[in-house]
Amino acid sequence: ANIVPWQMVAEKTKAQVKAIRVLDSGELDYHDFENKLGPQ
């Protein structure tokens, strides 16, 4: 439910949906999050 609606609007506008990595432990990879951020 927190993936598909964003994909739907991305498809209409040629935007992209990208995913932040999850570590093997199940923790969120905050470094990957920071690396993927930008004005886009």
PDB file of all heavy atoms in Angstrom:
ATOM      1  N   ALA A   1       0.822  -1.220   0.000  1.00  0.00           N
ATOM      2  CA  ALA A   1       0.000   0.000   0.000  1.00  0.00           C
ATOM      3  C   ALA A   1       0.849   1.260   0.000  1.00  0.00           C
ATOM      4  O   ALA A   1       0.366   2.333  -0.376  1.00  0.00           O
ATOM      5  CB  ALA A   1      -0.935   0.009   1.212  1.00  0.00           C
ATOM      6  N   ASN A   2       2.109   1.142   0.433  1.00  0.00           N
ATOM      7  CA  ASN A   2       3.009   2.299   0.420  1.00  0.00           C
ATOM      8  C   ASN A   2       4.036   2.179  -0.708  1.00  0.00           C
ATOM      9  O   ASN A   2       5.091   2.809  -0.653  1.00  0.00           O
ATOM     10  CB  ASN A   2       3.717   2.447   1.772  1.00  0.00           C
ATOM     11  CG  ASN A   2       4.197   3.866   2.032  1.00  0.00           C
ATOM     12  OD1 ASN A   2       3.633   4.829   1.503  1.00  0.00           O
ATOM     13  ND2 ASN A   2       5.233   4.013   2.837  1.00  0.00           N
ATOM     14  N   ILE A   3       3.696   1.377  -1.698  1.00  0.00           N
ATOM     15  CA  ILE A   3       4.523   1.253  -2.908  1.00  0.00           C
ATOM     16  C   ILE A   3       3.696   1.577  -4.150  1.00  0.00           C
ATOM     17  O   ILE A   3       4.040   2.461  -4.930  1.00  0.00           O
ATOM     18  CB  ILE A   3       5.105  -0.184  -3.044  1.00  0.00           C
ATOM     19  CG1 ILE A   3       5.992  -0.535  -1.840  1.00  0.00           C
ATOM     20  CG2 ILE A   3       5.896  -0.306  -4.349  1.00  0.00           C
ATOM     21  CD1 ILE A   3       6.517  -1.966  -1.857  1.00  0.00           C
ATOM     22  N   VAL A   4       2.603   0.849  -4.319  1.00  0.00           N
ATOM     23  CA  VAL A   4       1.823   0.919  -5.563  1.00  0.00           C
ATOM     24  C   VAL A   4       1.285   2.322  -5.868  1.00  0.00           C
ATOM     25  O   VAL A   4       1.398   2.786  -7.014  1.00  0.00           O
ATOM     26  CB  VAL A   4       0.675  -0.123  -5.537  1.00  0.00           C
ATOM     27  CG1 VAL A   4      -0.153  -0.028  -6.819  1.00  0.00           C
ATOM     28  CG2 VAL A   4       1.243  -1.529  -5.375  1.00  0.00           C
ATOM     29  N   PRO A   5       0.694   3.056  -4.906  1.00  0.00           N
ATOM     30  CA  PRO A   5       0.187   4.394  -5.245  1.00  0.00           C
ATOM     31  C   PRO A   5       1.268   5.345  -5.747  1.00  0.00           C
ATOM     32  O   PRO A   5       1.015   6.172  -6.631  1.00  0.00           O
ATOM     33  CB  PRO A   5      -0.406   4.886  -3.918  1.00  0.00           C
ATOM     34  CG  PRO A   5      -0.771   3.640  -3.175  1.00  0.00           C
ATOM     35  CD  PRO A   5       0.325   2.677  -3.520  1.00  0.00           C
ATOM     36  N   TRP A   6       2.486   5.207  -5.216  1.00  0.00           N
ATOM     37  CA  TRP A   6       3.598   6.051  -5.670  1.00  0.00           C
ATOM     38  C   TRP A   6       4.045   5.635  -7.069  1.00  0.00           C
ATOM     39  O   TRP A   6       4.406   6.489  -7.897  1.00  0.00           O
ATOM     40  CB  TRP A   6       4.755   5.973  -4.686  1.00  0.00           C
ATOM     41  CG  TRP A   6       4.342   6.259  -3.273  1.00  0.00           C
ATOM     42  CD1 TRP A   6       4.328   5.379  -2.218  1.00  0.00           C
ATOM     43  CD2 TRP A   6       3.872   7.507  -2.742  1.00  0.00           C
ATOM     44  NE1 TRP A   6       3.877   5.991  -1.073  1.00  0.00           N
ATOM     45  CE2 TRP A   6       3.587   7.303  -1.362  1.00  0.00           C
ATOM     46  CE3 TRP A   6       3.663   8.773  -3.288  1.00  0.00           C
ATOM     47  CZ2 TRP A   6       3.112   8.314  -0.542  1.00  0.00           C
ATOM     48  CZ3 TRP A   6       3.182   9.786  -2.470  1.00  0.00           C
ATOM     49  CH2 TRP A   6       2.906   9.555  -1.114  1.00  0.00           C
ATOM     50  N   GLN A   7       4.006   4.335  -7.346  1.00  0.00           N
ATOM     51  CA  GLN A   7       4.331   3.863  -8.694  1.00  0.00           C
ATOM     52  C   GLN A   7       3.328   4.402  -9.715  1.00  0.00           C
ATOM     53  O   GLN A   7       3.701   4.759 -10.838  1.00  0.00           O
ATOM     54  CB  GLN A   7       4.340   2.338  -8.728  1.00  0.00           C
ATOM     55  CG  GLN A   7       5.497   1.692  -7.980  1.00  0.00           C
ATOM     56  CD  GLN A   7       5.396   0.172  -7.961  1.00  0.00           C
ATOM     57  OE1 GLN A   7       4.308  -0.385  -8.070  1.00  0.00           O
ATOM     58  NE2 GLN A   7       6.539  -0.495  -7.831  1.00  0.00           N
ATOM     59  N   MET A   8       2.076   4.462  -9.312  1.00  0.00           N
ATOM     60  CA  MET A   8       1.025   4.914 -10.228  1.00  0.00           C
ATOM     61  C   MET A   8       1.243   6.364 -10.661  1.00  0.00           C
ATOM     62  O   MET A   8       1.122   6.696 -11.851  1.00  0.00           O
ATOM     63  CB  MET A   8      -0.344   4.746  -9.574  1.00  0.00           C
ATOM     64  CG  MET A   8      -0.752   3.283  -9.372  1.00  0.00           C
ATOM     65  SD  MET A   8      -2.226   3.078  -8.342  1.00  0.00           S
ATOM     66  CE  MET A   8      -3.487   3.699  -9.440  1.00  0.00           C
ATOM     67  N   VAL A   9       1.588   7.239  -9.703  1.00  0.00           N
ATOM     68  CA  VAL A   9       1.811   8.644 -10.082  1.00  0.00           C
ATOM     69  C   VAL A   9       3.142   8.808 -10.813  1.00  0.00           C
ATOM     70  O   VAL A   9       3.284   9.683 -11.675  1.00  0.00           O
ATOM     71  CB  VAL A   9       1.729   9.586  -8.861  1.00  0.00           C
ATOM     72  CG1 VAL A   9       0.321   9.574  -8.277  1.00  0.00           C
ATOM     73  CG2 VAL A   9       2.773   9.249  -7.798  1.00  0.00           C
ATOM     74  N   ALA A  10       4.109   7.952 -10.480  1.00  0.00           N
ATOM     75  CA  ALA A  10       5.395   8.015 -11.174  1.00  0.00           C
ATOM     76  C   ALA A  10       5.242   7.636 -12.647  1.00  0.00           C
ATOM     77  O   ALA A  10       5.841   8.261 -13.536  1.00  0.00           O
ATOM     78  CB  ALA A  10       6.408   7.094 -10.494  1.00  0.00           C
ATOM     79  N   GLU A  11       4.422   6.630 -12.922  1.00  0.00           N
ATOM     80  CA  GLU A  11       4.205   6.187 -14.302  1.00  0.00           C
ATOM     81  C   GLU A  11       3.543   7.287 -15.134  1.00  0.00           C
ATOM     82  O   GLU A  11       3.824   7.434 -16.326  1.00  0.00           O
ATOM     83  CB  GLU A  11       3.341   4.929 -14.311  1.00  0.00           C
ATOM     84  CG  GLU A  11       4.087   3.672 -13.846  1.00  0.00           C
ATOM     85  CD  GLU A  11       3.165   2.481 -13.667  1.00  0.00           C
ATOM     86  OE1 GLU A  11       1.959   2.609 -13.990  1.00  0.00           O
ATOM     87  OE2 GLU A  11       3.643   1.428 -13.203  1.00  0.00           O
ATOM     88  N   LYS A  12       2.676   8.066 -14.513  1.00  0.00           N
ATOM     89  CA  LYS A  12       1.979   9.133 -15.238  1.00  0.00           C
ATOM     90  C   LYS A  12       2.904  10.293 -15.580  1.00  0.00           C
ATOM     91  O   LYS A  12       2.626  11.065 -16.509  1.00  0.00           O
ATOM     92  CB  LYS A  12       0.807   9.652 -14.398  1.00  0.00           C
ATOM     93  CG  LYS A  12      -0.350   8.677 -14.251  1.00  0.00           C
ATOM     94  CD  LYS A  12      -1.452   9.286 -13.393  1.00  0.00           C
ATOM     95  CE  LYS A  12      -2.622   8.320 -13.218  1.00  0.00           C
ATOM     96  NZ  LYS A  12      -3.691   8.891 -12.355  1.00  0.00           N
ATOM     97  N   THR A  13       3.971  10.462 -14.826  1.00  0.00           N
ATOM     98  CA  THR A  13       4.815  11.654 -14.963  1.00  0.00           C
ATOM     99  C   THR A  13       6.244  11.356 -15.404  1.00  0.00           C
ATOM    100  O   THR A  13       7.056  12.268 -15.520  1.00  0.00           O
ATOM    101  CB  THR A  13       4.870  12.399 -13.614  1.00  0.00           C
ATOM    102  OG1 THR A  13       5.371  11.497 -12.616  1.00  0.00           O
ATOM    103  CG2 THR A  13       3.493  12.891 -13.200  1.00  0.00           C
ATOM    104  N   LYS A  14       6.550  10.065 -15.589  1.00  0.00           N
ATOM    105  CA  LYS A  14       7.900   9.623 -15.926  1.00  0.00           C
ATOM    106  C   LYS A  14       8.901   9.925 -14.805  1.00  0.00           C
ATOM    107  O   LYS A  14      10.086  10.137 -15.046  1.00  0.00           O
ATOM    108  CB  LYS A  14       8.371  10.238 -17.252  1.00  0.00           C
ATOM    109  CG  LYS A  14       7.547   9.793 -18.449  1.00  0.00           C
ATOM    110  CD  LYS A  14       8.112  10.350 -19.740  1.00  0.00           C
ATOM    111  CE  LYS A  14       7.279   9.881 -20.941  1.00  0.00           C
ATOM    112  NZ  LYS A  14       7.803  10.429 -22.221  1.00  0.00           N
ATOM    113  N   ALA A  15       8.378   9.974 -13.595  1.00  0.00           N
ATOM    114  CA  ALA A  15       9.241  10.054 -12.413  1.00  0.00           C
ATOM    115  C   ALA A  15       9.691   8.640 -12.073  1.00  0.00           C
ATOM    116  O   ALA A  15       9.255   7.664 -12.687  1.00  0.00           O
ATOM    117  CB  ALA A  15       8.498  10.693 -11.245  1.00  0.00           C
ATOM    118  N   GLN A  16      10.542   8.502 -11.076  1.00  0.00           N
ATOM    119  CA  GLN A  16      11.063   7.199 -10.692  1.00  0.00           C
ATOM    120  C   GLN A  16      10.818   6.918  -9.209  1.00  0.00           C
ATOM    121  O   GLN A  16      10.883   7.831  -8.381  1.00  0.00           O
ATOM    122  CB  GLN A  16      12.569   7.112 -10.959  1.00  0.00           C
ATOM    123  CG  GLN A  16      12.949   6.986 -12.412  1.00  0.00           C
ATOM    124  CD  GLN A  16      14.444   6.758 -12.561  1.00  0.00           C
ATOM    125  OE1 GLN A  16      15.255   7.592 -12.179  1.00  0.00           O
ATOM    126  NE2 GLN A  16      14.817   5.607 -13.099  1.00  0.00           N
ATOM    127  N   VAL A  17      10.536   5.658  -8.908  1.00  0.00           N
ATOM    128  CA  VAL A  17      10.445   5.197  -7.523  1.00  0.00           C
ATOM    129  C   VAL A  17      11.712   4.404  -7.224  1.00  0.00           C
ATOM    130  O   VAL A  17      12.033   3.446  -7.934  1.00  0.00           O
ATOM    131  CB  VAL A  17       9.203   4.305  -7.297  1.00  0.00           C
ATOM    132  CG1 VAL A  17       9.193   3.758  -5.874  1.00  0.00           C
ATOM    133  CG2 VAL A  17       7.927   5.093  -7.580  1.00  0.00           C
ATOM    134  N   LYS A  18      12.426   4.797  -6.190  1.00  0.00           N
ATOM    135  CA  LYS A  18      13.645   4.102  -5.795  1.00  0.00           C
ATOM    136  C   LYS A  18      13.530   3.653  -4.347  1.00  0.00           C
ATOM    137  O   LYS A  18      12.837   4.290  -3.548  1.00  0.00           O
ATOM    138  CB  LYS A  18      14.869   5.002  -5.976  1.00  0.00           C
ATOM    139  CG  LYS A  18      15.153   5.331  -7.437  1.00  0.00           C
ATOM    140  CD  LYS A  18      16.467   6.083  -7.598  1.00  0.00           C
ATOM    141  CE  LYS A  18      16.792   6.298  -9.077  1.00  0.00           C
ATOM    142  NZ  LYS A  18      18.077   7.031  -9.257  1.00  0.00           N
ATOM    143  N   ALA A  19      14.223   2.565  -4.034  1.00  0.00           N
ATOM    144  CA  ALA A  19      14.095   1.973  -2.697  1.00  0.00           C
ATOM    145  C   ALA A  19      15.378   2.094  -1.895  1.00  0.00           C
ATOM    146  O   ALA A  19      16.476   1.851  -2.411  1.00  0.00           O
ATOM    147  CB  ALA A  19      13.695   0.504  -2.811  1.00  0.00           C
ATOM    148  N   ILE A  20      15.223   2.442  -0.627  1.00  0.00           N
ATOM    149  CA  ILE A  20      16.332   2.457   0.322  1.00  0.00           C
ATOM    150  C   ILE A  20      16.568   1.025   0.782  1.00  0.00           C
ATOM    151  O   ILE A  20      15.626   0.292   1.087  1.00  0.00           O
ATOM    152  CB  ILE A  20      15.992   3.348   1.529  1.00  0.00           C
ATOM    153  CG1 ILE A  20      15.577   4.743   1.069  1.00  0.00           C
ATOM    154  CG2 ILE A  20      17.171   3.413   2.497  1.00  0.00           C
ATOM    155  CD1 ILE A  20      14.789   5.516   2.111  1.00  0.00           C
ATOM    156  N   ARG A  21      17.823   0.627   0.843  1.00  0.00           N
ATOM    157  CA  ARG A  21      18.186  -0.742   1.192  1.00  0.00           C
ATOM    158  C   ARG A  21      17.814  -1.084   2.631  1.00  0.00           C
ATOM    159  O   ARG A  21      17.826  -0.239   3.522  1.00  0.00           O
ATOM    160  CB  ARG A  21      19.691  -0.972   1.017  1.00  0.00           C
ATOM    161  CG  ARG A  21      20.164  -1.047  -0.414  1.00  0.00           C
ATOM    162  CD  ARG A  21      21.651  -1.336  -0.505  1.00  0.00           C
ATOM    163  NE  ARG A  21      21.967  -2.665   0.043  1.00  0.00           N
ATOM    164  CZ  ARG A  21      22.670  -2.862   1.145  1.00  0.00           C
ATOM    165  NH1 ARG A  21      23.112  -1.855   1.852  1.00  0.00           N
ATOM    166  NH2 ARG A  21      22.924  -4.089   1.547  1.00  0.00           N
ATOM    167  N   VAL A  22      17.533  -2.361   2.830  1.00  0.00           N
ATOM    168  CA  VAL A  22      17.356  -2.937   4.157  1.00  0.00           C
ATOM    169  C   VAL A  22      18.541  -3.873   4.400  1.00  0.00           C
ATOM    170  O   VAL A  22      18.890  -4.684   3.533  1.00  0.00           O
ATOM    171  CB  VAL A  22      16.024  -3.707   4.270  1.00  0.00           C
ATOM    172  CG1 VAL A  22      15.949  -4.490   5.570  1.00  0.00           C
ATOM    173  CG2 VAL A  22      14.848  -2.738   4.155  1.00  0.00           C
ATOM    174  N   LEU A  23      19.161  -3.764   5.559  1.00  0.00           N
ATOM    175  CA  LEU A  23      20.312  -4.606   5.894  1.00  0.00           C
ATOM    176  C   LEU A  23      19.859  -6.024   6.219  1.00  0.00           C
ATOM    177  O   LEU A  23      18.666  -6.267   6.470  1.00  0.00           O
ATOM    178  CB  LEU A  23      21.073  -4.001   7.081  1.00  0.00           C
ATOM    179  CG  LEU A  23      21.609  -2.580   6.870  1.00  0.00           C
ATOM    180  CD1 LEU A  23      22.218  -2.056   8.170  1.00  0.00           C
ATOM    181  CD2 LEU A  23      22.632  -2.546   5.745  1.00  0.00           C
ATOM    182  N   ASP A  24      20.785  -6.950   6.235  1.00  0.00           N
ATOM    183  CA  ASP A  24      20.457  -8.345   6.549  1.00  0.00           C
ATOM    184  C   ASP A  24      19.786  -8.480   7.912  1.00  0.00           C
ATOM    185  O   ASP A  24      18.967  -9.373   8.125  1.00  0.00           O
ATOM    186  CB  ASP A  24      21.724  -9.209   6.521  1.00  0.00           C
ATOM    187  CG  ASP A  24      22.296  -9.367   5.111  1.00  0.00           C
ATOM    188  OD1 ASP A  24      21.557  -9.091   4.145  1.00  0.00           O
ATOM    189  OD2 ASP A  24      23.467  -9.761   4.993  1.00  0.00           O
ATOM    190  N   SER A  25      20.117  -7.586   8.829  1.00  0.00           N
ATOM    191  CA  SER A  25      19.542  -7.617  10.178  1.00  0.00           C
ATOM    192  C   SER A  25      18.082  -7.172  10.196  1.00  0.00           C
ATOM    193  O   SER A  25      17.372  -7.382  11.184  1.00  0.00           O
ATOM    194  CB  SER A  25      20.344  -6.704  11.107  1.00  0.00           C
ATOM    195  OG  SER A  25      20.239  -5.350  10.669  1.00  0.00           O
ATOM    196  N   GLY A  26      17.644  -6.544   9.103  1.00  0.00           N
ATOM    197  CA  GLY A  26      16.300  -5.982   9.058  1.00  0.00           C
ATOM    198  C   GLY A  26      16.280  -4.500   9.354  1.00  0.00           C
ATOM    199  O   GLY A  26      15.227  -3.859   9.274  1.00  0.00           O
ATOM    200  N   GLU A  27      17.439  -3.923   9.683  1.00  0.00           N
ATOM    201  CA  GLU A  27      17.520  -2.487   9.922  1.00  0.00           C
ATOM    202  C   GLU A  27      17.541  -1.727   8.601  1.00  0.00           C
ATOM    203  O   GLU A  27      17.990  -2.243   7.577  1.00  0.00           O
ATOM    204  CB  GLU A  27      18.791  -2.139  10.696  1.00  0.00           C
ATOM    205  CG  GLU A  27      18.876  -2.739  12.078  1.00  0.00           C
ATOM    206  CD  GLU A  27      20.236  -2.518  12.699  1.00  0.00           C
ATOM    207  OE1 GLU A  27      20.465  -1.420  13.251  1.00  0.00           O
ATOM    208  OE2 GLU A  27      21.081  -3.436  12.624  1.00  0.00           O
ATOM    209  N   LEU A  28      17.081  -0.493   8.646  1.00  0.00           N
ATOM    210  CA  LEU A  28      17.160   0.359   7.470  1.00  0.00           C
ATOM    211  C   LEU A  28      18.600   0.842   7.298  1.00  0.00           C
ATOM    212  O   LEU A  28      19.279   1.166   8.274  1.00  0.00           O
ATOM    213  CB  LEU A  28      16.226   1.563   7.627  1.00  0.00           C
ATOM    214  CG  LEU A  28      16.058   2.444   6.389  1.00  0.00           C
ATOM    215  CD1 LEU A  28      15.322   1.701   5.290  1.00  0.00           C
ATOM    216  CD2 LEU A  28      15.321   3.731   6.741  1.00  0.00           C
ATOM    217  N   ASP A  29      19.061   0.879   6.054  1.00  0.00           N
ATOM    218  CA  ASP A  29      20.405   1.362   5.753  1.00  0.00           C
ATOM    219  C   ASP A  29      20.339   2.893   5.607  1.00  0.00           C
ATOM    220  O   ASP A  29      20.058   3.421   4.535  1.00  0.00           O
ATOM    221  CB  ASP A  29      20.917   0.711   4.463  1.00  0.00           C
ATOM    222  CG  ASP A  29      22.380   1.034   4.175  1.00  0.00           C
ATOM    223  OD1 ASP A  29      22.890   2.040   4.713  1.00  0.00           O
ATOM    224  OD2 ASP A  29      23.012   0.289   3.407  1.00  0.00           O
ATOM    225  N   TYR A  30      20.608   3.591   6.701  1.00  0.00           N
ATOM    226  CA  TYR A  30      20.500   5.050   6.695  1.00  0.00           C
ATOM    227  C   TYR A  30      21.556   5.696   5.798  1.00  0.00           C
ATOM    228  O   TYR A  30      21.313   6.780   5.247  1.00  0.00           O
ATOM    229  CB  TYR A  30      20.607   5.594   8.128  1.00  0.00           C
ATOM    230  CG  TYR A  30      19.423   5.211   8.986  1.00  0.00           C
ATOM    231  CD1 TYR A  30      19.476   4.116   9.833  1.00  0.00           C
ATOM    232  CD2 TYR A  30      18.235   5.949   8.931  1.00  0.00           C
ATOM    233  CE1 TYR A  30      18.385   3.759  10.612  1.00  0.00           C
ATOM    234  CE2 TYR A  30      17.138   5.604   9.704  1.00  0.00           C
ATOM    235  CZ  TYR A  30      17.217   4.498  10.539  1.00  0.00           C
ATOM    236  OH  TYR A  30      16.137   4.150  11.302  1.00  0.00           O
ATOM    237  N   HIS A  31      22.694   5.064   5.650  1.00  0.00           N
ATOM    238  CA  HIS A  31      23.721   5.603   4.755  1.00  0.00           C
ATOM    239  C   HIS A  31      23.247   5.547   3.309  1.00  0.00           C
ATOM    240  O   HIS A  31      23.468   6.487   2.531  1.00  0.00           O
ATOM    241  CB  HIS A  31      25.033   4.821   4.926  1.00  0.00           C
ATOM    242  CG  HIS A  31      25.653   4.984   6.278  1.00  0.00           C
ATOM    243  ND1 HIS A  31      26.090   6.199   6.745  1.00  0.00           N
ATOM    244  CD2 HIS A  31      25.901   4.086   7.271  1.00  0.00           C
ATOM    245  CE1 HIS A  31      26.587   6.060   7.961  1.00  0.00           C
ATOM    246  NE2 HIS A  31      26.475   4.780   8.306  1.00  0.00           N
ATOM    247  N   ASP A  32      22.579   4.468   2.951  1.00  0.00           N
ATOM    248  CA  ASP A  32      22.022   4.357   1.599  1.00  0.00           C
ATOM    249  C   ASP A  32      20.947   5.416   1.392  1.00  0.00           C
ATOM    250  O   ASP A  32      20.849   6.007   0.308  1.00  0.00           O
ATOM    251  CB  ASP A  32      21.442   2.951   1.388  1.00  0.00           C
ATOM    252  CG  ASP A  32      20.995   2.724  -0.049  1.00  0.00           C
ATOM    253  OD1 ASP A  32      21.821   2.913  -0.961  1.00  0.00           O
ATOM    254  OD2 ASP A  32      19.813   2.383  -0.250  1.00  0.00           O
ATOM    255  N   PHE A  33      20.157   5.667   2.412  1.00  0.00           N
ATOM    256  CA  PHE A  33      19.128   6.709   2.357  1.00  0.00           C
ATOM    257  C   PHE A  33      19.765   8.066   2.067  1.00  0.00           C
ATOM    258  O   PHE A  33      19.343   8.799   1.160  1.00  0.00           O
ATOM    259  CB  PHE A  33      18.366   6.741   3.682  1.00  0.00           C
ATOM    260  CG  PHE A  33      17.539   7.983   3.898  1.00  0.00           C
ATOM    261  CD1 PHE A  33      16.531   8.341   3.019  1.00  0.00           C
ATOM    262  CD2 PHE A  33      17.771   8.797   5.011  1.00  0.00           C
ATOM    263  CE1 PHE A  33      15.771   9.494   3.222  1.00  0.00           C
ATOM    264  CE2 PHE A  33      17.017   9.933   5.229  1.00  0.00           C
ATOM    265  CZ  PHE A  33      16.022  10.293   4.325  1.00  0.00           C
ATOM    266  N   GLU A  34      20.806   8.392   2.814  1.00  0.00           N
ATOM    267  CA  GLU A  34      21.470   9.680   2.638  1.00  0.00           C
ATOM    268  C   GLU A  34      22.119   9.787   1.256  1.00  0.00           C
ATOM    269  O   GLU A  34      22.103  10.861   0.637  1.00  0.00           O
ATOM    270  CB  GLU A  34      22.492   9.881   3.752  1.00  0.00           C
ATOM    271  CG  GLU A  34      21.830  10.085   5.116  1.00  0.00           C
ATOM    272  CD  GLU A  34      22.771   9.910   6.290  1.00  0.00           C
ATOM    273  OE1 GLU A  34      23.984   9.676   6.052  1.00  0.00           O
ATOM    274  OE2 GLU A  34      22.310   9.993   7.439  1.00  0.00           O
ATOM    275  N   ASN A  35      22.658   8.678   0.782  1.00  0.00           N
ATOM    276  CA  ASN A  35      23.296   8.690  -0.543  1.00  0.00           C
ATOM    277  C   ASN A  35      22.290   8.876  -1.671  1.00  0.00           C
ATOM    278  O   ASN A  35      22.622   9.406  -2.737  1.00  0.00           O
ATOM    279  CB  ASN A  35      24.076   7.389  -0.767  1.00  0.00           C
ATOM    280  CG  ASN A  35      25.334   7.312   0.087  1.00  0.00           C
ATOM    281  OD1 ASN A  35      25.872   8.335   0.503  1.00  0.00           O
ATOM    282  ND2 ASN A  35      25.788   6.092   0.358  1.00  0.00           N
ATOM    283  N   LYS A  36      21.065   8.430  -1.454  1.00  0.00           N
ATOM    284  CA  LYS A  36      20.045   8.514  -2.508  1.00  0.00           C
ATOM    285  C   LYS A  36      19.322   9.855  -2.511  1.00  0.00           C
ATOM    286  O   LYS A  36      18.576  10.157  -3.451  1.00  0.00           O
ATOM    287  CB  LYS A  36      19.032   7.373  -2.351  1.00  0.00           C
ATOM    288  CG  LYS A  36      19.551   6.015  -2.825  1.00  0.00           C
ATOM    289  CD  LYS A  36      18.448   4.968  -2.795  1.00  0.00           C
ATOM    290  CE  LYS A  36      18.846   3.717  -3.590  1.00  0.00           C
ATOM    291  NZ  LYS A  36      19.823   2.886  -2.910  1.00  0.00           N
ATOM    292  N   LEU A  37      19.505  10.651  -1.466  1.00  0.00           N
ATOM    293  CA  LEU A  37      18.831  11.949  -1.399  1.00  0.00           C
ATOM    294  C   LEU A  37      19.476  12.948  -2.344  1.00  0.00           C
ATOM    295  O   LEU A  37      20.654  12.859  -2.679  1.00  0.00           O
ATOM    296  CB  LEU A  37      18.876  12.495   0.025  1.00  0.00           C
ATOM    297  CG  LEU A  37      17.801  11.987   0.988  1.00  0.00           C
ATOM    298  CD1 LEU A  37      18.093  12.461   2.400  1.00  0.00           C
ATOM    299  CD2 LEU A  37      16.414  12.428   0.546  1.00  0.00           C
ATOM    300  N   GLY A  38      18.671  13.905  -2.763  1.00  0.00           N
ATOM    301  CA  GLY A  38      19.132  14.979  -3.626  1.00  0.00           C
ATOM    302  C   GLY A  38      17.940  15.843  -3.994  1.00  0.00           C
ATOM    303  O   GLY A  38      16.788  15.520  -3.637  1.00  0.00           O
ATOM    304  N   PRO A  39      18.163  16.913  -4.711  1.00  0.00           N
ATOM    305  CA  PRO A  39      17.051  17.813  -5.071  1.00  0.00           C
ATOM    306  C   PRO A  39      16.007  17.156  -5.959  1.00  0.00           C
ATOM    307  O   PRO A  39      14.883  17.652  -6.068  1.00  0.00           O
ATOM    308  CB  PRO A  39      17.761  18.961  -5.802  1.00  0.00           C
ATOM    309  CG  PRO A  39      19.073  18.401  -6.246  1.00  0.00           C
ATOM    310  CD  PRO A  39      19.462  17.389  -5.215  1.00  0.00           C
ATOM    311  N   GLN A  40      16.344  16.025  -6.565  1.00  0.00           N
ATOM    312  CA  GLN A  40      15.394  15.322  -7.431  1.00  0.00           C
ATOM    313  C   GLN A  40      14.354  14.549  -6.625  1.00  0.00           C
ATOM    314  O   GLN A  40      13.309  14.161  -7.153  1.00  0.00           O
ATOM    315  CB  GLN A  40      16.138  14.362  -8.380  1.00  0.00           C
ATOM    316  CG  GLN A  40      16.640  13.073  -7.742  1.00  0.00           C
ATOM    317  CD  GLN A  40      17.917  13.235  -6.923  1.00  0.00           C
ATOM    318  OE1 GLN A  40      18.446  14.349  -6.796  1.00  0.00           O
ATOM    319  NE2 GLN A  40      18.422  12.151  -6.363  1.00  0.00           N
TER     320      GLN A  40
END
